[in-house]
Every structure is written in structure tokens, then in C-alpha cells.
C-alpha atoms as a PDB file:
ATOM      1  CA  MET A   1      24.191 -14.836   8.482  1.00  0.00           C
ATOM      2  CA  GLN A   2      21.773 -11.799   9.041  1.00  0.00           C
ATOM      3  CA  ALA A   3      22.130  -8.929   6.826  1.00  0.00           C
ATOM      4  CA  THR A   4      22.284  -5.405   8.143  1.00  0.00           C
ATOM      5  CA  ALA A   5      20.343  -3.608   5.383  1.00  0.00           C
ATOM      6  CA  ALA A   6      17.787  -4.474   2.918  1.00  0.00           C
ATOM      7  CA  THR A   7      18.700  -5.803  -0.592  1.00  0.00           C
ATOM      8  CA  THR A   8      16.538  -5.134  -3.437  1.00  0.00           C
ATOM      9  CA  ILE A   9      16.153  -6.901  -6.772  1.00  0.00           C
ATOM     10  CA  SER A  10      16.613  -5.570 -10.334  1.00  0.00           C
ATOM     11  CA  PRO A  11      14.166  -6.295 -12.919  1.00  0.00           C
ATOM     12  CA  GLU A  12      16.747  -8.121 -14.886  1.00  0.00           C
ATOM     13  CA  ALA A  13      17.440 -10.447 -11.766  1.00  0.00           C
ATOM     14  CA  TYR A  14      13.797 -10.883 -11.044  1.00  0.00           C
ATOM     15  CA  ARG A  15      12.852 -12.085 -14.268  1.00  0.00           C
ATOM     16  CA  ALA A  16      15.792 -14.688 -14.046  1.00  0.00           C
ATOM     17  CA  LEU A  17      14.819 -15.874 -10.650  1.00  0.00           C
ATOM     18  CA  ASP A  18      12.975 -19.215 -10.229  1.00  0.00           C
ATOM     19  CA  ASN A  19       9.860 -17.614  -8.676  1.00  0.00           C
ATOM     20  CA  GLU A  20       8.123 -20.832  -7.856  1.00  0.00           C
ATOM     21  CA  ALA A  21      10.822 -22.490  -5.365  1.00  0.00           C
ATOM     22  CA  PHE A  22      10.680 -21.020  -1.966  1.00  0.00           C
ATOM     23  CA  PRO A  23      12.268 -22.478   1.377  1.00  0.00           C
ATOM     24  CA  PHE A  24       8.753 -22.138   3.001  1.00  0.00           C
ATOM     25  CA  ALA A  25       5.190 -23.127   2.112  1.00  0.00           C
ATOM     26  CA  VAL A  26       3.151 -20.702  -0.215  1.00  0.00           C
ATOM     27  CA  ARG A  27      -0.253 -21.130  -1.182  1.00  0.00           C
ATOM     28  CA  ARG A  28      -2.072 -18.685  -3.576  1.00  0.00           C
ATOM     29  CA  CYS A  29      -5.065 -17.211  -2.416  1.00  0.00           C
ATOM     30  CA  THR A  30      -6.440 -15.905  -5.662  1.00  0.00           C
ATOM     31  CA  PRO A  31      -5.037 -16.318  -9.560  1.00  0.00           C
ATOM     32  CA  THR A  32      -4.101 -12.715  -9.457  1.00  0.00           C
ATOM     33  CA  ILE A  33      -2.975 -11.688  -5.835  1.00  0.00           C
ATOM     34  CA  GLY A  34      -2.165 -12.740  -2.225  1.00  0.00           C
ATOM     35  CA  ALA A  35      -0.612 -15.873  -0.762  1.00  0.00           C
ATOM     36  CA  ASP A  36      -0.724 -17.481   2.517  1.00  0.00           C
ATOM     37  CA  VAL A  37       2.854 -18.474   3.737  1.00  0.00           C
ATOM     38  CA  GLU A  38       3.743 -21.096   6.445  1.00  0.00           C
ATOM     39  CA  GLY A  39       7.145 -22.032   7.824  1.00  0.00           C
ATOM     40  CA  ILE A  40       8.224 -18.516   9.037  1.00  0.00           C
ATOM     41  CA  ASP A  41       8.573 -17.512  12.721  1.00  0.00           C
ATOM     42  CA  PHE A  42       8.954 -13.752  12.905  1.00  0.00           C
ATOM     43  CA  ARG A  43      10.231 -13.934  16.411  1.00  0.00           C
ATOM     44  CA  GLU A  44      13.474 -15.243  15.133  1.00  0.00           C
ATOM     45  CA  PRO A  45      15.621 -12.908  13.019  1.00  0.00           C
ATOM     46  CA  LEU A  46      15.455 -13.441   9.132  1.00  0.00           C
ATOM     47  CA  ASP A  47      18.755 -14.566   7.653  1.00  0.00           C
ATOM     48  CA  ASP A  48      19.607 -13.514   4.297  1.00  0.00           C
ATOM     49  CA  ASP A  49      18.379 -16.517   2.347  1.00  0.00           C
ATOM     50  CA  THR A  50      14.999 -16.440   4.065  1.00  0.00           C
ATOM     51  CA  TYR A  51      14.592 -12.640   3.738  1.00  0.00           C
ATOM     52  CA  LEU A  52      15.421 -12.640  -0.052  1.00  0.00           C
ATOM     53  CA  SER A  53      12.877 -15.602  -0.699  1.00  0.00           C
ATOM     54  CA  LEU A  54      10.455 -13.378   1.262  1.00  0.00           C
ATOM     55  CA  ARG A  55      11.169 -10.608  -0.820  1.00  0.00           C
ATOM     56  CA  ARG A  56      10.732 -12.602  -4.097  1.00  0.00           C
ATOM     57  CA  ALA A  57       7.428 -13.934  -2.855  1.00  0.00           C
ATOM     58  CA  LEU A  58       6.529 -10.442  -1.904  1.00  0.00           C
ATOM     59  CA  LEU A  59       7.250  -9.309  -5.652  1.00  0.00           C
ATOM     60  CA  LYS A  60       5.357 -12.128  -7.314  1.00  0.00           C
ATOM     61  CA  TYR A  61       2.074 -12.241  -4.867  1.00  0.00           C
ATOM     62  CA  LYS A  62       2.063  -8.577  -3.811  1.00  0.00           C
ATOM     63  CA  VAL A  63       0.698  -9.503  -0.548  1.00  0.00           C
ATOM     64  CA  LEU A  64       1.765 -12.077   1.820  1.00  0.00           C
ATOM     65  CA  PHE A  65      -0.322 -13.429   4.739  1.00  0.00           C
ATOM     66  CA  PHE A  66       1.144 -15.041   8.015  1.00  0.00           C
ATOM     67  CA  ARG A  67      -0.809 -16.588  10.902  1.00  0.00           C
ATOM     68  CA  LYS A  68      -0.057 -17.330  14.463  1.00  0.00           C
ATOM     69  CA  GLN A  69       2.816 -14.508  14.424  1.00  0.00           C
ATOM     70  CA  ALA A  70       2.864 -13.778  18.244  1.00  0.00           C
ATOM     71  CA  ILE A  71       5.396 -11.083  18.151  1.00  0.00           C
ATOM     72  CA  THR A  72       6.354  -7.882  20.306  1.00  0.00           C
ATOM     73  CA  PRO A  73       6.391  -4.543  18.904  1.00  0.00           C
ATOM     74  CA  ALA A  74       9.985  -4.537  19.013  1.00  0.00           C
ATOM     75  CA  GLN A  75      10.086  -7.773  17.006  1.00  0.00           C
ATOM     76  CA  HIS A  76       7.574  -6.319  14.483  1.00  0.00           C
ATOM     77  CA  VAL A  77       9.906  -3.345  13.915  1.00  0.00           C
ATOM     78  CA  ALA A  78      13.074  -5.612  13.679  1.00  0.00           C
ATOM     79  CA  VAL A  79      11.300  -7.686  11.053  1.00  0.00           C
ATOM     80  CA  ALA A  80       9.905  -4.899   8.704  1.00  0.00           C
ATOM     81  CA  ARG A  81      13.175  -3.112   9.091  1.00  0.00           C
ATOM     82  CA  ARG A  82      14.822  -5.959   7.145  1.00  0.00           C
ATOM     83  CA  PHE A  83      12.786  -4.573   4.110  1.00  0.00           C
ATOM     84  CA  GLY A  84      14.194  -1.146   4.409  1.00  0.00           C
ATOM     85  CA  GLU A  85      14.273   1.993   6.511  1.00  0.00           C
ATOM     86  CA  LEU A  86      10.948   2.682   8.433  1.00  0.00           C
ATOM     87  CA  GLU A  87       8.995   6.010   8.444  1.00  0.00           C
ATOM     88  CA  VAL A  88       7.427   7.629  11.364  1.00  0.00           C
ATOM     89  CA  HIS A  89       3.817   8.703  10.434  1.00  0.00           C
ATOM     90  CA  PRO A  90       3.105  12.290  11.236  1.00  0.00           C
ATOM     91  CA  MET A  91      -0.557  11.964  11.398  1.00  0.00           C
ATOM     92  CA  PHE A  92      -1.461   8.716  13.039  1.00  0.00           C
ATOM     93  CA  THR A  93      -1.051   7.539  16.749  1.00  0.00           C
ATOM     94  CA  ASN A  94       2.381   6.205  17.092  1.00  0.00           C
ATOM     95  CA  HIS A  95       3.510   3.281  19.715  1.00  0.00           C
ATOM     96  CA  PRO A  96       4.976   4.980  22.750  1.00  0.00           C
ATOM     97  CA  GLU A  97       8.071   2.857  22.766  1.00  0.00           C
ATOM     98  CA  HIS A  98       8.451   2.250  19.087  1.00  0.00           C
ATOM     99  CA  PRO A  99       7.377   5.280  17.061  1.00  0.00           C
ATOM    100  CA  GLU A 100       7.863   3.402  13.847  1.00  0.00           C
ATOM    101  CA  LEU A 101       4.469   1.310  14.494  1.00  0.00           C
ATOM    102  CA  VAL A 102       1.338   3.138  13.682  1.00  0.00           C
ATOM    103  CA  VAL A 103      -1.355   2.192  16.295  1.00  0.00           C
ATOM    104  CA  PHE A 104      -4.989   1.666  14.955  1.00  0.00           C
ATOM    105  CA  GLY A 105      -7.498   1.257  17.349  1.00  0.00           C
ATOM    106  CA  ARG A 106     -11.285   1.331  17.661  1.00  0.00           C
ATOM    107  CA  ASP A 107     -12.659   0.895  21.080  1.00  0.00           C
ATOM    108  CA  GLY A 108     -16.320   0.730  20.113  1.00  0.00           C
ATOM    109  CA  THR A 109     -17.123   4.512  20.658  1.00  0.00           C
ATOM    110  CA  THR A 110     -16.456   5.684  16.800  1.00  0.00           C
ATOM    111  CA  ARG A 111     -16.635   4.341  13.568  1.00  0.00           C
ATOM    112  CA  GLY A 112     -13.495   3.762  11.398  1.00  0.00           C
ATOM    113  CA  ARG A 113     -12.741   6.115   8.351  1.00  0.00           C
ATOM    114  CA  GLU A 114     -10.173   4.108   6.520  1.00  0.00           C
ATOM    115  CA  ASN A 115     -12.704   2.711   4.002  1.00  0.00           C
ATOM    116  CA  LEU A 116     -11.196   4.227   0.884  1.00  0.00           C
ATOM    117  CA  TYR A 117      -8.948   2.417  -1.784  1.00  0.00           C
ATOM    118  CA  HIS A 118      -5.657   3.765  -1.238  1.00  0.00           C
ATOM    119  CA  SER A 119      -1.867   3.098  -1.294  1.00  0.00           C
ATOM    120  CA  ASP A 120      -0.182   4.140   2.028  1.00  0.00           C
ATOM    121  CA  VAL A 121       1.572   7.585   1.998  1.00  0.00           C
ATOM    122  CA  SER A 122       1.175   8.095  -1.823  1.00  0.00           C
ATOM    123  CA  TRP A 123       1.187  11.750  -0.795  1.00  0.00           C
ATOM    124  CA  ARG A 124       4.839  11.738   0.339  1.00  0.00           C
ATOM    125  CA  GLU A 125       7.640  12.781  -2.005  1.00  0.00           C
ATOM    126  CA  ILE A 126       8.959   9.374  -1.563  1.00  0.00           C
ATOM    127  CA  PRO A 127       5.845   6.970  -1.071  1.00  0.00           C
ATOM    128  CA  SER A 128       6.341   3.666   0.846  1.00  0.00           C
ATOM    129  CA  MET A 129       7.877   0.524  -0.484  1.00  0.00           C
ATOM    130  CA  GLY A 130       5.462  -1.688   1.600  1.00  0.00           C
ATOM    131  CA  SER A 131       3.753  -1.988   4.792  1.00  0.00           C
ATOM    132  CA  MET A 132       3.580  -4.782   7.547  1.00  0.00           C
ATOM    133  CA  LEU A 133       0.112  -4.708   9.642  1.00  0.00           C
ATOM    134  CA  ARG A 134      -0.298  -7.145  12.640  1.00  0.00           C
ATOM    135  CA  CYS A 135      -3.587  -7.840  14.044  1.00  0.00           C
ATOM    136  CA  VAL A 136      -3.446  -7.501  17.948  1.00  0.00           C
ATOM    137  CA  GLU A 137      -7.160  -7.698  18.430  1.00  0.00           C
ATOM    138  CA  CYS A 138     -10.233  -8.008  16.371  1.00  0.00           C
ATOM    139  CA  PRO A 139     -13.841  -9.133  16.202  1.00  0.00           C
ATOM    140  CA  GLU A 140     -14.763 -12.649  15.293  1.00  0.00           C
ATOM    141  CA  VAL A 141     -16.368 -11.444  12.108  1.00  0.00           C
ATOM    142  CA  GLY A 142     -16.054  -8.266  10.248  1.00  0.00           C
ATOM    143  CA  GLY A 143     -13.063  -5.733   9.829  1.00  0.00           C
ATOM    144  CA  ASP A 144     -11.439  -7.498   6.823  1.00  0.00           C
ATOM    145  CA  THR A 145      -8.884  -5.821   4.643  1.00  0.00           C
ATOM    146  CA  MET A 146      -8.805  -5.961   0.808  1.00  0.00           C
ATOM    147  CA  TRP A 147      -5.577  -5.834  -1.194  1.00  0.00           C
ATOM    148  CA  ILE A 148      -5.848  -4.845  -5.113  1.00  0.00           C
ATOM    149  CA  ASN A 149      -3.113  -5.929  -7.702  1.00  0.00           C
ATOM    150  CA  MET A 150      -2.883  -2.435  -9.733  1.00  0.00           C
ATOM    151  CA  ALA A 151      -0.178  -4.057 -11.905  1.00  0.00           C
ATOM    152  CA  ALA A 152      -3.074  -6.153 -13.294  1.00  0.00           C
ATOM    153  CA  ALA A 153      -5.637  -3.282 -13.230  1.00  0.00           C
ATOM    154  CA  TYR A 154      -2.941  -1.278 -15.662  1.00  0.00           C
ATOM    155  CA  GLU A 155      -2.349  -4.378 -17.913  1.00  0.00           C
ATOM    156  CA  ASN A 156      -6.087  -5.059 -18.503  1.00  0.00           C
ATOM    157  CA  LEU A 157      -6.751  -1.467 -19.664  1.00  0.00           C
ATOM    158  CA  PRO A 158      -7.649  -0.745 -23.278  1.00  0.00           C
ATOM    159  CA  GLN A 159      -4.848   0.019 -25.273  1.00  0.00           C
ATOM    160  CA  ASP A 160      -6.161   3.451 -26.058  1.00  0.00           C
ATOM    161  CA  MET A 161      -6.599   4.271 -22.494  1.00  0.00           C
ATOM    162  CA  LYS A 162      -2.911   3.187 -21.836  1.00  0.00           C
ATOM    163  CA  ALA A 163      -1.835   5.599 -24.747  1.00  0.00           C
ATOM    164  CA  ARG A 164      -4.187   8.392 -23.173  1.00  0.00           C
ATOM    165  CA  ILE A 165      -2.633   8.270 -19.607  1.00  0.00           C
ATOM    166  CA  ALA A 166       1.093   7.307 -20.629  1.00  0.00           C
ATOM    167  CA  ASN A 167       2.224  10.656 -19.844  1.00  0.00           C
ATOM    168  CA  LEU A 168      -0.067  12.103 -17.275  1.00  0.00           C
ATOM    169  CA  LYS A 169       0.975  12.961 -13.896  1.00  0.00           C
ATOM    170  CA  ALA A 170      -1.227  13.284 -10.758  1.00  0.00           C
ATOM    171  CA  VAL A 171      -1.132  15.230  -7.709  1.00  0.00           C
ATOM    172  CA  HIS A 172      -1.208  13.370  -4.419  1.00  0.00           C
ATOM    173  CA  ASP A 173      -2.328  15.163  -1.294  1.00  0.00           C
ATOM    174  CA  ALA A 174      -2.649  13.861   2.512  1.00  0.00           C
ATOM    175  CA  MET A 175      -4.829  16.990   3.514  1.00  0.00           C
ATOM    176  CA  PRO A 176      -8.208  16.182   2.054  1.00  0.00           C
ATOM    177  CA  THR A 177      -8.112  12.778   4.057  1.00  0.00           C
ATOM    178  CA  PHE A 178      -6.178  13.823   7.174  1.00  0.00           C
ATOM    179  CA  GLY A 179      -6.938  17.570   7.382  1.00  0.00           C
ATOM    180  CA  SER A 180     -10.681  17.395   8.371  1.00  0.00           C
ATOM    181  CA  ALA A 181      -9.588  15.989  11.972  1.00  0.00           C
ATOM    182  CA  LEU A 182      -6.881  18.948  12.514  1.00  0.00           C
ATOM    183  CA  ASN A 183      -7.463  22.477  14.021  1.00  0.00           C
ATOM    184  CA  GLU A 184      -6.568  25.411  11.814  1.00  0.00           C
ATOM    185  CA  GLU A 185      -3.088  25.761  13.622  1.00  0.00           C
ATOM    186  CA  LYS A 186      -2.224  22.200  13.042  1.00  0.00           C
ATOM    187  CA  TYR A 187      -3.695  22.136   9.623  1.00  0.00           C
ATOM    188  CA  ALA A 188      -1.235  25.021   8.521  1.00  0.00           C
ATOM    189  CA  GLU A 189       1.664  23.303  10.014  1.00  0.00           C
ATOM    190  CA  MET A 190       0.957  20.056   8.205  1.00  0.00           C
ATOM    191  CA  ARG A 191       0.206  21.636   4.952  1.00  0.00           C
ATOM    192  CA  ALA A 192       3.560  23.510   5.210  1.00  0.00           C
ATOM    193  CA  LYS A 193       5.492  20.166   5.933  1.00  0.00           C
ATOM    194  CA  TYR A 194       3.593  18.016   3.354  1.00  0.00           C
ATOM    195  CA  PRO A 195       2.851  20.007   0.457  1.00  0.00           C
ATOM    196  CA  PRO A 196       0.940  18.205  -2.501  1.00  0.00           C
ATOM    197  CA  MET A 197       3.255  16.063  -4.657  1.00  0.00           C
ATOM    198  CA  VAL A 198       3.318  15.127  -8.269  1.00  0.00           C
ATOM    199  CA  HIS A 199       3.700  11.318  -9.379  1.00  0.00           C
ATOM    200  CA  PRO A 200       3.416   9.577 -12.701  1.00  0.00           C
ATOM    201  CA  VAL A 201      -0.188   8.104 -13.321  1.00  0.00           C
ATOM    202  CA  VAL A 202       1.680   5.115 -14.594  1.00  0.00           C
ATOM    203  CA  ARG A 203       4.802   4.150 -12.531  1.00  0.00           C
ATOM    204  CA  THR A 204       7.280   1.558 -13.494  1.00  0.00           C
ATOM    205  CA  HIS A 205       8.016  -1.001 -10.403  1.00  0.00           C
ATOM    206  CA  PRO A 206      11.885  -0.734  -9.698  1.00  0.00           C
ATOM    207  CA  GLU A 207      12.327  -4.455  -9.108  1.00  0.00           C
ATOM    208  CA  THR A 208       9.873  -6.250 -11.401  1.00  0.00           C
ATOM    209  CA  GLY A 209       9.796  -3.649 -14.263  1.00  0.00           C
ATOM    210  CA  GLU A 210       5.753  -3.666 -14.225  1.00  0.00           C
ATOM    211  CA  LYS A 211       3.828  -0.946 -15.260  1.00  0.00           C
ATOM    212  CA  ILE A 212       1.295   0.148 -12.369  1.00  0.00           C
ATOM    213  CA  LEU A 213      -1.699   2.208 -12.206  1.00  0.00           C
ATOM    214  CA  PHE A 214      -0.767   4.787  -9.531  1.00  0.00           C
ATOM    215  CA  VAL A 215      -3.582   6.685  -8.674  1.00  0.00           C
ATOM    216  CA  ASN A 216      -5.877   6.202  -5.637  1.00  0.00           C
ATOM    217  CA  GLU A 217      -9.122   7.820  -4.434  1.00  0.00           C
ATOM    218  CA  ALA A 218      -7.921   8.671  -0.926  1.00  0.00           C
ATOM    219  CA  PHE A 219      -4.862  10.737  -2.002  1.00  0.00           C
ATOM    220  CA  THR A 220      -5.161  11.588  -5.856  1.00  0.00           C
ATOM    221  CA  THR A 221      -6.650  14.719  -6.211  1.00  0.00           C
ATOM    222  CA  HIS A 222      -6.226  15.790  -9.853  1.00  0.00           C
ATOM    223  CA  PHE A 223      -4.021  15.615 -12.990  1.00  0.00           C
ATOM    224  CA  ALA A 224      -1.091  18.126 -12.918  1.00  0.00           C
ATOM    225  CA  ASN A 225      -0.874  18.120 -16.857  1.00  0.00           C
ATOM    226  CA  PHE A 226      -4.346  17.173 -18.097  1.00  0.00           C
ATOM    227  CA  VAL A 227      -4.612  20.340 -20.185  1.00  0.00           C
ATOM    228  CA  LYS A 228      -1.308  19.943 -21.682  1.00  0.00           C
ATOM    229  CA  GLU A 229      -1.814  16.124 -22.599  1.00  0.00           C
ATOM    230  CA  ALA A 230      -5.520  16.552 -23.788  1.00  0.00           C
ATOM    231  CA  PRO A 231      -6.348  19.844 -25.280  1.00  0.00           C
ATOM    232  CA  TYR A 232     -10.048  20.913 -24.925  1.00  0.00           C
ATOM    233  CA  ARG A 233     -12.380  22.617 -27.125  1.00  0.00           C
ATOM    234  CA  ILE A 234     -13.924  25.487 -25.295  1.00  0.00           C
ATOM    235  CA  GLY A 235     -13.597  27.226 -22.020  1.00  0.00           C
ATOM    236  CA  SER A 236     -14.181  24.503 -19.186  1.00  0.00           C
ATOM    237  CA  ASP A 237     -14.622  21.625 -21.487  1.00  0.00           C
ATOM    238  CA  TYR A 238     -11.274  19.970 -19.983  1.00  0.00           C
ATOM    239  CA  ARG A 239     -12.590  19.882 -16.380  1.00  0.00           C
ATOM    240  CA  PRO A 240     -15.545  17.506 -16.718  1.00  0.00           C
ATOM    241  CA  ALA A 241     -13.430  15.448 -19.019  1.00  0.00           C
ATOM    242  CA  GLU A 242     -10.456  15.308 -16.353  1.00  0.00           C
ATOM    243  CA  LEU A 243     -12.977  14.383 -13.533  1.00  0.00           C
ATOM    244  CA  ASP A 244     -14.336  11.625 -15.607  1.00  0.00           C
ATOM    245  CA  LEU A 245     -11.186  10.134 -16.428  1.00  0.00           C
ATOM    246  CA  LEU A 246      -9.943  10.281 -12.876  1.00  0.00           C
ATOM    247  CA  GLN A 247     -13.099   8.510 -11.690  1.00  0.00           C
ATOM    248  CA  TYR A 248     -12.573   5.966 -14.218  1.00  0.00           C
ATOM    249  CA  LEU A 249      -8.970   5.370 -12.979  1.00  0.00           C
ATOM    250  CA  TYR A 250     -10.318   5.268  -9.385  1.00  0.00           C
ATOM    251  CA  ARG A 251     -12.878   2.376 -10.539  1.00  0.00           C
ATOM    252  CA  GLN A 252     -10.151  -0.015 -11.580  1.00  0.00           C
ATOM    253  CA  ALA A 253      -9.363  -0.815  -7.947  1.00  0.00           C
ATOM    254  CA  ALA A 254     -12.869  -2.177  -7.193  1.00  0.00           C
ATOM    255  CA  ALA A 255     -12.885  -4.881  -9.715  1.00  0.00           C
ATOM    256  CA  PRO A 256     -13.066  -8.333  -7.766  1.00  0.00           C
ATOM    257  CA  GLU A 257     -10.679 -10.023 -10.125  1.00  0.00           C
ATOM    258  CA  TYR A 258      -7.962  -8.054  -9.148  1.00  0.00           C
ATOM    259  CA  GLN A 259      -8.588  -8.356  -5.322  1.00  0.00           C
ATOM    260  CA  VAL A 260      -8.003 -10.657  -2.324  1.00  0.00           C
ATOM    261  CA  ARG A 261      -9.572 -10.309   0.936  1.00  0.00           C
ATOM    262  CA  LEU A 262      -8.285 -11.247   4.324  1.00  0.00           C
ATOM    263  CA  ARG A 263     -10.166 -12.231   7.342  1.00  0.00           C
ATOM    264  CA  TRP A 264      -8.118 -11.234  10.269  1.00  0.00           C
ATOM    265  CA  GLN A 265      -7.306 -13.168  13.222  1.00  0.00           C
ATOM    266  CA  PRO A 266      -5.247 -12.083  16.478  1.00  0.00           C
ATOM    267  CA  ASP A 267      -1.298 -12.453  15.642  1.00  0.00           C
ATOM    268  CA  THR A 268      -2.194 -12.426  11.689  1.00  0.00           C
ATOM    269  CA  ILE A 269       0.144 -10.427   9.653  1.00  0.00           C
ATOM    270  CA  ALA A 270      -0.090  -9.063   6.319  1.00  0.00           C
ATOM    271  CA  LEU A 271       2.914  -7.693   4.445  1.00  0.00           C
ATOM    272  CA  TRP A 272       2.385  -5.865   1.093  1.00  0.00           C
ATOM    273  CA  ASP A 273       4.099  -4.023  -1.676  1.00  0.00           C
ATOM    274  CA  ASN A 274       2.628  -0.557  -1.745  1.00  0.00           C
ATOM    275  CA  ARG A 275       4.064   0.272  -5.102  1.00  0.00           C
ATOM    276  CA  SER A 276       1.967  -2.145  -6.694  1.00  0.00           C
ATOM    277  CA  THR A 277      -1.149  -2.356  -4.634  1.00  0.00           C
ATOM    278  CA  GLN A 278      -3.989  -0.647  -3.138  1.00  0.00           C
ATOM    279  CA  HIS A 279      -5.954  -1.829  -0.068  1.00  0.00           C
ATOM    280  CA  TYR A 280      -9.356  -1.179   1.604  1.00  0.00           C
ATOM    281  CA  ALA A 281     -10.201  -1.533   5.266  1.00  0.00           C
ATOM    282  CA  VAL A 282     -13.700  -2.777   5.525  1.00  0.00           C
ATOM    283  CA  GLN A 283     -15.617  -0.783   8.293  1.00  0.00           C
ATOM    284  CA  ASP A 284     -18.383  -3.186   9.031  1.00  0.00           C
ATOM    285  CA  TYR A 285     -17.500  -4.112  12.634  1.00  0.00           C
ATOM    286  CA  PHE A 286     -18.774  -1.212  14.597  1.00  0.00           C
ATOM    287  CA  PRO A 287     -19.034  -1.049  17.950  1.00  0.00           C
ATOM    288  CA  ALA A 288     -16.814  -4.218  18.144  1.00  0.00           C
ATOM    289  CA  VAL A 289     -13.053  -3.730  19.081  1.00  0.00           C
ATOM    290  CA  ARG A 290     -10.304  -3.811  16.519  1.00  0.00           C
ATOM    291  CA  HIS A 291      -6.556  -3.053  17.370  1.00  0.00           C
ATOM    292  CA  MET A 292      -3.687  -3.200  14.704  1.00  0.00           C
ATOM    293  CA  ASN A 293       0.103  -2.162  14.586  1.00  0.00           C
ATOM    294  CA  ARG A 294       1.561  -1.186  11.274  1.00  0.00           C
ATOM    295  CA  ALA A 295       5.134  -0.445  10.117  1.00  0.00           C
ATOM    296  CA  THR A 296       5.814   1.241   6.962  1.00  0.00           C
ATOM    297  CA  ILE A 297       8.777   0.900   4.876  1.00  0.00           C
ATOM    298  CA  ILE A 298      10.234   3.736   2.915  1.00  0.00           C
ATOM    299  CA  GLY A 299      10.404   3.237  -0.602  1.00  0.00           C
ATOM    300  CA  ASP A 300      11.546   5.210  -3.816  1.00  0.00           C
ATOM    301  CA  ARG A 301      10.571   8.193  -5.750  1.00  0.00           C
ATOM    302  CA  PRO A 302       8.007   6.874  -8.575  1.00  0.00           C
ATOM    303  CA  VAL A 303       9.101   7.080 -12.049  1.00  0.00           C
END
């Protein structure tokens, strides 16, 4: 039987599950994050048991990799939609027949600009639950992507730092990253549609209950309540302290101990949890050609 809507898992149910038993082959990539999955063919619809097992694996490993998935754009959309409703990205190029798919392409004339640690669309009022990225064409070497376990990044913070950021909120804004490519009229239109959003610096995963460090250098611009939470001594004393703290939190994503790195091949798919991860697209392949399709799954309001 195929379900018609995504089913989530509660933290209580997640802790009670046998997270080692899956009806497909799973091989960890690192001790902290990432797993290769074999025995799944995304050309076929996902039945309920397989879907729920994939969701358990996604919660456990944060990002899943699937090789030799020669699927059509329609099949890509159908598989991603099993995990939830899909967004249409307002600032990227979308597939002409399937607007839920973002089309990334570098034809050898321009360098990529995606090399920042980030979580997709954290600037939305309701950021994404996850993303599903498929490689259509890529160079033989170069153009890897890295994912980072931000639950581990939070867990390993010193206790005094956890206390310091416990009640902080941060502002997430799309325009510093995307606005530079827009003319004045389009910039004003996008700014009106997508104002800055405030999210907790430490969010709780709705399915696993994990605490997650939820700031990223691409979209998090400043703290919304730093002065209230950290009284300062004189005039502008708070501003350098705020910037220092934000930079410290940004840098947690750069620790190799929290990362996994994927070397792409055509028809490789990466499925990741945007709530608990960040990622970084390595721009070392110019002027080679690289084309990717991505579906992004709508999530929940961070708390």
C-alpha cells in the first residue's frame, strides 16, 4: 500500500524504534553523519514500510546517499513528495515542467557561488524539512558536497556556551545572499515578500528531540535579542561581542569531525534533513560542467 501523505515520527516513538534494523542495506560513511543506502529503486513508488524505514534512517544518519538512480524529473518529484509537501523556490531557476525542482547548472562560463555553509531556506518563516538532490551531470573530479551534523555540533559545545545561547534568537535573511543578483525593482519585490525571520539559535528537532545549533553563515545575519540576553558595559560594547559570538557559532560547521563529503556521479541522489544539518557545495570544478536537480520539502516552524 502506498500512503498519500507523509508520516512523521514523534521523539518518543523514535527513541523506542530499533534504529539498526532496515529492509535495505545501510553502510555508515563516518561515525557522525551520512550513510550509503542500497536496495532502493526510486523508479518504483515507495510503499509505507519502505518510506517509514527511510525516514528512520534519515533521522539516524542525517543524510542518505543513493547511487545509480536514473529517475525522471516526475519521479524525483513523486519520491520527494512522499516526505512532505514541496516548495517552489522563488529565486532559483525551476524546471519548466516541474516547478518543485530547482535546476542548478554551470556551463563552464561562470563560477558557482554556493560555497557557504548553510541550511536550505532557513530564511523562510517555515524552513524546510529536507532536500533531495540528484546529479544529472558532473565532472569526473571536483564539485563535491559536504554535510554537517549540527546536532553533534551543539552537543559538543562547552556547557557555559550552551547556557549562553539557550535563549538567544537569530535573524535569518535571504537578501544578503540572493539580493546581489537582483535589480532594484526585483529586490524590492522580494524583500516585501520575504522579510527577515527570527528563529531560535538552538532548535529542537520535532522527531528526534535533539537540540540543534541553528545558525548558518549564508542566511543568519545577527541576533534578535543579544542586548537583552547579554547586558553590555558601555555604549557599543555589545556589538563586537555579538559579532564574535556569531562567528564562533558559524565556525562550528567547519569542524571535519561533524562532516561527511560526497563525490558525485551521474544519477547519485542525496537526501538530507535540513533541520539538523548544514551543507557546503565545493566550487573547485570551473570550467567543468555540473548540473543538478533539487526538490525541497516544506518543514515546520523552529522551536
